[in-house]
N, C-alpha and C. Protein backbone atom coordinates (compact mmCIF):
# COMPACT_ATOMS: atom_id res chain seq x y z
N MET A 1 -27.48 -4.01 -8.59
CA MET A 1 -26.71 -3.63 -7.43
C MET A 1 -25.38 -3.04 -7.90
N GLN A 2 -25.02 -1.93 -7.35
CA GLN A 2 -23.78 -1.23 -7.73
C GLN A 2 -22.60 -1.75 -6.92
N TRP A 3 -21.60 -2.28 -7.60
CA TRP A 3 -20.37 -2.77 -6.96
C TRP A 3 -19.25 -1.77 -7.15
N ARG A 4 -18.38 -1.70 -6.18
CA ARG A 4 -17.18 -0.86 -6.27
C ARG A 4 -15.98 -1.71 -5.84
N VAL A 5 -15.06 -1.92 -6.77
CA VAL A 5 -13.85 -2.68 -6.45
C VAL A 5 -12.90 -1.73 -5.72
N ILE A 6 -12.50 -2.13 -4.52
CA ILE A 6 -11.61 -1.32 -3.70
C ILE A 6 -10.16 -1.56 -4.07
N GLU A 7 -9.79 -2.85 -4.13
CA GLU A 7 -8.41 -3.21 -4.42
C GLU A 7 -8.35 -4.68 -4.79
N TYR A 8 -7.30 -5.07 -5.52
CA TYR A 8 -7.11 -6.49 -5.78
C TYR A 8 -5.63 -6.83 -5.72
N ARG A 9 -5.36 -8.13 -5.53
CA ARG A 9 -3.99 -8.63 -5.39
C ARG A 9 -3.87 -9.99 -6.06
N GLU A 10 -2.65 -10.50 -6.09
CA GLU A 10 -2.34 -11.83 -6.63
C GLU A 10 -2.94 -12.04 -8.00
N PHE A 11 -2.45 -11.29 -8.96
CA PHE A 11 -2.98 -11.35 -10.32
C PHE A 11 -2.37 -12.53 -11.07
N TYR A 12 -3.20 -13.41 -11.59
CA TYR A 12 -2.79 -14.46 -12.50
C TYR A 12 -3.94 -14.67 -13.48
N ASP A 13 -3.85 -14.12 -14.65
CA ASP A 13 -4.92 -14.05 -15.66
C ASP A 13 -6.05 -13.12 -15.21
N VAL A 14 -6.52 -13.30 -14.00
CA VAL A 14 -7.51 -12.41 -13.36
C VAL A 14 -7.03 -12.17 -11.93
N PRO A 15 -7.53 -11.14 -11.28
CA PRO A 15 -7.17 -10.97 -9.86
C PRO A 15 -7.62 -12.19 -9.06
N ARG A 16 -6.79 -12.65 -8.16
CA ARG A 16 -7.12 -13.82 -7.35
C ARG A 16 -7.60 -13.45 -5.95
N MET A 17 -7.44 -12.21 -5.56
CA MET A 17 -8.00 -11.70 -4.31
C MET A 17 -8.54 -10.30 -4.61
N ILE A 18 -9.83 -10.12 -4.32
CA ILE A 18 -10.49 -8.84 -4.61
C ILE A 18 -11.29 -8.42 -3.39
N VAL A 19 -11.16 -7.16 -3.01
CA VAL A 19 -12.04 -6.59 -2.00
C VAL A 19 -12.95 -5.62 -2.73
N ALA A 20 -14.26 -5.82 -2.54
CA ALA A 20 -15.26 -5.00 -3.21
C ALA A 20 -16.39 -4.70 -2.24
N THR A 21 -17.13 -3.63 -2.54
CA THR A 21 -18.27 -3.26 -1.69
C THR A 21 -19.51 -3.08 -2.56
N ASN A 22 -20.65 -3.18 -1.90
CA ASN A 22 -21.93 -2.81 -2.49
C ASN A 22 -22.81 -2.28 -1.36
N ASP A 23 -24.08 -2.07 -1.61
CA ASP A 23 -24.97 -1.53 -0.58
C ASP A 23 -25.10 -2.43 0.63
N GLU A 24 -24.79 -3.71 0.47
CA GLU A 24 -24.93 -4.66 1.57
C GLU A 24 -23.69 -4.77 2.44
N GLY A 25 -22.53 -4.24 1.97
CA GLY A 25 -21.33 -4.29 2.79
C GLY A 25 -20.07 -4.53 1.99
N ALA A 26 -19.07 -5.09 2.68
CA ALA A 26 -17.75 -5.32 2.10
C ALA A 26 -17.50 -6.83 1.96
N PHE A 27 -16.82 -7.19 0.86
CA PHE A 27 -16.64 -8.60 0.55
C PHE A 27 -15.23 -8.88 0.04
N LEU A 28 -14.73 -10.06 0.38
CA LEU A 28 -13.47 -10.57 -0.16
C LEU A 28 -13.80 -11.70 -1.12
N PHE A 29 -13.31 -11.61 -2.35
CA PHE A 29 -13.42 -12.68 -3.35
C PHE A 29 -12.03 -13.30 -3.45
N TYR A 30 -11.91 -14.58 -3.16
CA TYR A 30 -10.60 -15.21 -3.05
C TYR A 30 -10.58 -16.50 -3.87
N SER A 31 -9.74 -16.53 -4.91
CA SER A 31 -9.52 -17.73 -5.71
C SER A 31 -8.14 -18.27 -5.35
N ARG A 32 -8.14 -19.28 -4.53
CA ARG A 32 -6.89 -19.84 -3.99
C ARG A 32 -6.12 -20.67 -5.01
N PHE A 33 -4.82 -20.79 -4.75
CA PHE A 33 -4.00 -21.72 -5.51
C PHE A 33 -4.11 -23.08 -4.85
N ASP A 34 -4.41 -24.10 -5.64
CA ASP A 34 -4.55 -25.45 -5.14
C ASP A 34 -3.28 -26.23 -5.48
N GLU A 35 -2.53 -26.59 -4.46
CA GLU A 35 -1.26 -27.31 -4.65
C GLU A 35 -1.46 -28.65 -5.36
N HIS A 36 -2.54 -29.35 -5.05
CA HIS A 36 -2.79 -30.66 -5.65
C HIS A 36 -3.10 -30.55 -7.14
N LEU A 37 -3.82 -29.51 -7.51
CA LEU A 37 -4.13 -29.29 -8.93
C LEU A 37 -3.01 -28.56 -9.66
N ASP A 38 -2.11 -27.93 -8.89
CA ASP A 38 -1.05 -27.08 -9.43
C ASP A 38 -1.65 -25.96 -10.29
N SER A 39 -2.75 -25.41 -9.80
CA SER A 39 -3.46 -24.37 -10.53
C SER A 39 -4.35 -23.59 -9.56
N TYR A 40 -4.78 -22.42 -10.03
CA TYR A 40 -5.75 -21.66 -9.25
C TYR A 40 -7.13 -22.28 -9.40
N LEU A 41 -7.96 -22.14 -8.38
CA LEU A 41 -9.33 -22.62 -8.45
C LEU A 41 -10.10 -21.84 -9.50
N THR A 42 -11.14 -22.43 -10.03
CA THR A 42 -11.94 -21.78 -11.07
C THR A 42 -13.10 -20.99 -10.48
N HIS A 43 -13.06 -20.82 -9.18
CA HIS A 43 -14.11 -20.05 -8.50
C HIS A 43 -13.49 -19.16 -7.42
N TYR A 44 -14.26 -18.19 -7.00
CA TYR A 44 -13.90 -17.36 -5.86
C TYR A 44 -14.69 -17.83 -4.65
N GLU A 45 -14.02 -17.97 -3.53
CA GLU A 45 -14.71 -18.10 -2.25
C GLU A 45 -15.06 -16.67 -1.85
N VAL A 46 -16.27 -16.45 -1.41
CA VAL A 46 -16.70 -15.09 -1.08
C VAL A 46 -16.92 -14.99 0.42
N PHE A 47 -16.29 -13.98 1.02
CA PHE A 47 -16.37 -13.74 2.45
C PHE A 47 -16.92 -12.35 2.72
N ARG A 48 -17.76 -12.21 3.71
CA ARG A 48 -18.26 -10.90 4.15
C ARG A 48 -17.25 -10.34 5.13
N LEU A 49 -16.77 -9.14 4.87
CA LEU A 49 -15.79 -8.48 5.72
C LEU A 49 -16.46 -7.42 6.59
N PRO A 50 -15.88 -7.13 7.75
CA PRO A 50 -16.39 -6.02 8.53
C PRO A 50 -16.22 -4.72 7.74
N ASN A 51 -17.23 -3.89 7.71
CA ASN A 51 -17.15 -2.62 6.97
C ASN A 51 -15.99 -1.75 7.44
N THR A 52 -15.65 -1.83 8.71
CA THR A 52 -14.56 -1.02 9.26
C THR A 52 -13.21 -1.40 8.66
N LEU A 53 -13.09 -2.61 8.15
CA LEU A 53 -11.83 -3.06 7.56
C LEU A 53 -11.51 -2.35 6.25
N ILE A 54 -12.53 -1.88 5.55
CA ILE A 54 -12.34 -1.26 4.25
C ILE A 54 -11.48 0.00 4.33
N ASN A 55 -11.65 0.77 5.36
CA ASN A 55 -10.89 2.01 5.52
C ASN A 55 -9.48 1.77 6.03
N ASP A 56 -9.19 0.54 6.44
CA ASP A 56 -7.88 0.23 7.01
C ASP A 56 -7.45 -1.17 6.60
N LEU A 57 -7.42 -1.44 5.28
CA LEU A 57 -6.99 -2.75 4.80
C LEU A 57 -5.54 -3.00 5.22
N PRO A 58 -5.25 -4.20 5.73
CA PRO A 58 -3.88 -4.48 6.12
C PRO A 58 -2.95 -4.52 4.91
N ARG A 59 -1.70 -4.26 5.16
CA ARG A 59 -0.70 -4.28 4.09
C ARG A 59 -0.61 -5.68 3.48
N SER A 60 -0.61 -6.70 4.33
CA SER A 60 -0.58 -8.09 3.88
C SER A 60 -2.00 -8.66 3.94
N TRP A 61 -2.38 -9.35 2.89
CA TRP A 61 -3.69 -9.99 2.85
C TRP A 61 -3.62 -11.47 3.20
N VAL A 62 -2.48 -11.94 3.67
CA VAL A 62 -2.36 -13.32 4.11
C VAL A 62 -3.36 -13.54 5.24
N ASP A 63 -4.19 -14.55 5.10
CA ASP A 63 -5.22 -14.89 6.08
C ASP A 63 -6.28 -13.82 6.25
N LEU A 64 -6.46 -12.94 5.27
CA LEU A 64 -7.50 -11.91 5.36
C LEU A 64 -8.89 -12.53 5.52
N GLU A 65 -9.10 -13.70 4.91
CA GLU A 65 -10.39 -14.37 5.04
C GLU A 65 -10.71 -14.77 6.48
N GLN A 66 -9.69 -14.88 7.32
CA GLN A 66 -9.92 -15.22 8.72
C GLN A 66 -10.48 -14.04 9.52
N ARG A 67 -10.43 -12.86 8.95
CA ARG A 67 -11.01 -11.69 9.60
C ARG A 67 -12.46 -11.46 9.15
N ALA A 68 -12.96 -12.36 8.31
CA ALA A 68 -14.33 -12.25 7.79
C ALA A 68 -15.35 -12.49 8.89
N ILE A 69 -16.55 -11.96 8.67
CA ILE A 69 -17.64 -12.19 9.61
C ILE A 69 -18.61 -13.26 9.08
N GLY A 70 -18.31 -13.79 7.91
CA GLY A 70 -19.14 -14.85 7.35
C GLY A 70 -18.67 -15.28 5.98
N ARG A 71 -19.11 -16.45 5.56
CA ARG A 71 -18.78 -16.98 4.24
C ARG A 71 -20.06 -17.08 3.43
N ILE A 72 -19.97 -16.71 2.18
CA ILE A 72 -21.10 -16.73 1.26
C ILE A 72 -20.80 -17.75 0.17
N ALA A 73 -21.75 -18.09 -0.64
CA ALA A 73 -21.58 -19.08 -1.70
C ALA A 73 -20.44 -18.71 -2.65
N ASP A 74 -19.82 -19.73 -3.25
CA ASP A 74 -18.75 -19.52 -4.22
C ASP A 74 -19.30 -18.90 -5.50
N VAL A 75 -18.42 -18.17 -6.21
CA VAL A 75 -18.78 -17.54 -7.48
C VAL A 75 -17.74 -17.97 -8.53
N PRO A 76 -18.16 -18.54 -9.66
CA PRO A 76 -17.19 -18.89 -10.70
C PRO A 76 -16.39 -17.66 -11.15
N VAL A 77 -15.14 -17.87 -11.46
CA VAL A 77 -14.26 -16.77 -11.86
C VAL A 77 -14.87 -15.95 -13.00
N ASN A 78 -15.53 -16.60 -13.94
CA ASN A 78 -16.11 -15.90 -15.09
C ASN A 78 -17.47 -15.28 -14.82
N GLU A 79 -17.96 -15.36 -13.58
CA GLU A 79 -19.29 -14.84 -13.26
C GLU A 79 -19.28 -13.81 -12.14
N LEU A 80 -18.20 -13.08 -12.03
CA LEU A 80 -18.15 -12.01 -11.02
C LEU A 80 -19.26 -10.99 -11.29
N PRO A 81 -19.81 -10.39 -10.25
CA PRO A 81 -20.88 -9.41 -10.46
C PRO A 81 -20.37 -8.03 -10.87
N PHE A 82 -19.08 -7.93 -11.17
CA PHE A 82 -18.47 -6.67 -11.60
C PHE A 82 -17.33 -6.98 -12.56
N ALA A 83 -16.91 -6.00 -13.31
CA ALA A 83 -15.83 -6.18 -14.28
C ALA A 83 -14.47 -6.10 -13.59
N VAL A 84 -13.55 -6.95 -14.03
CA VAL A 84 -12.16 -6.90 -13.57
C VAL A 84 -11.23 -7.00 -14.75
N GLU A 85 -10.05 -6.48 -14.58
CA GLU A 85 -9.04 -6.56 -15.64
C GLU A 85 -8.64 -8.02 -15.85
N ARG A 86 -8.46 -8.38 -17.11
CA ARG A 86 -8.03 -9.73 -17.45
C ARG A 86 -6.74 -9.65 -18.25
N ARG A 87 -5.88 -10.61 -18.02
CA ARG A 87 -4.63 -10.73 -18.80
C ARG A 87 -4.54 -12.15 -19.27
N ILE A 88 -4.22 -12.34 -20.50
CA ILE A 88 -4.04 -13.68 -21.06
C ILE A 88 -2.54 -13.96 -21.11
N SER A 89 -2.16 -15.08 -20.49
CA SER A 89 -0.74 -15.45 -20.45
C SER A 89 -0.27 -15.97 -21.77
């Protein structure tokens, strides 16, 4: 399946919020910061986004997952179905 990364935000070692598309639609990959762990989660929560949102992504992605039309299974940070830039701190 061919993935296309549209944009990403909140970079800490890897992007922590990614919007990507494939033949099935548009998706948000979100690795939240966990206050109790004082660290980012080791997985992405994956949300299905409305396709219409891709052409008009909001300036702020705060609560972007609340605009999703569904939630899909989590994906470990190291097992994304596409390549992303990595930075080692």
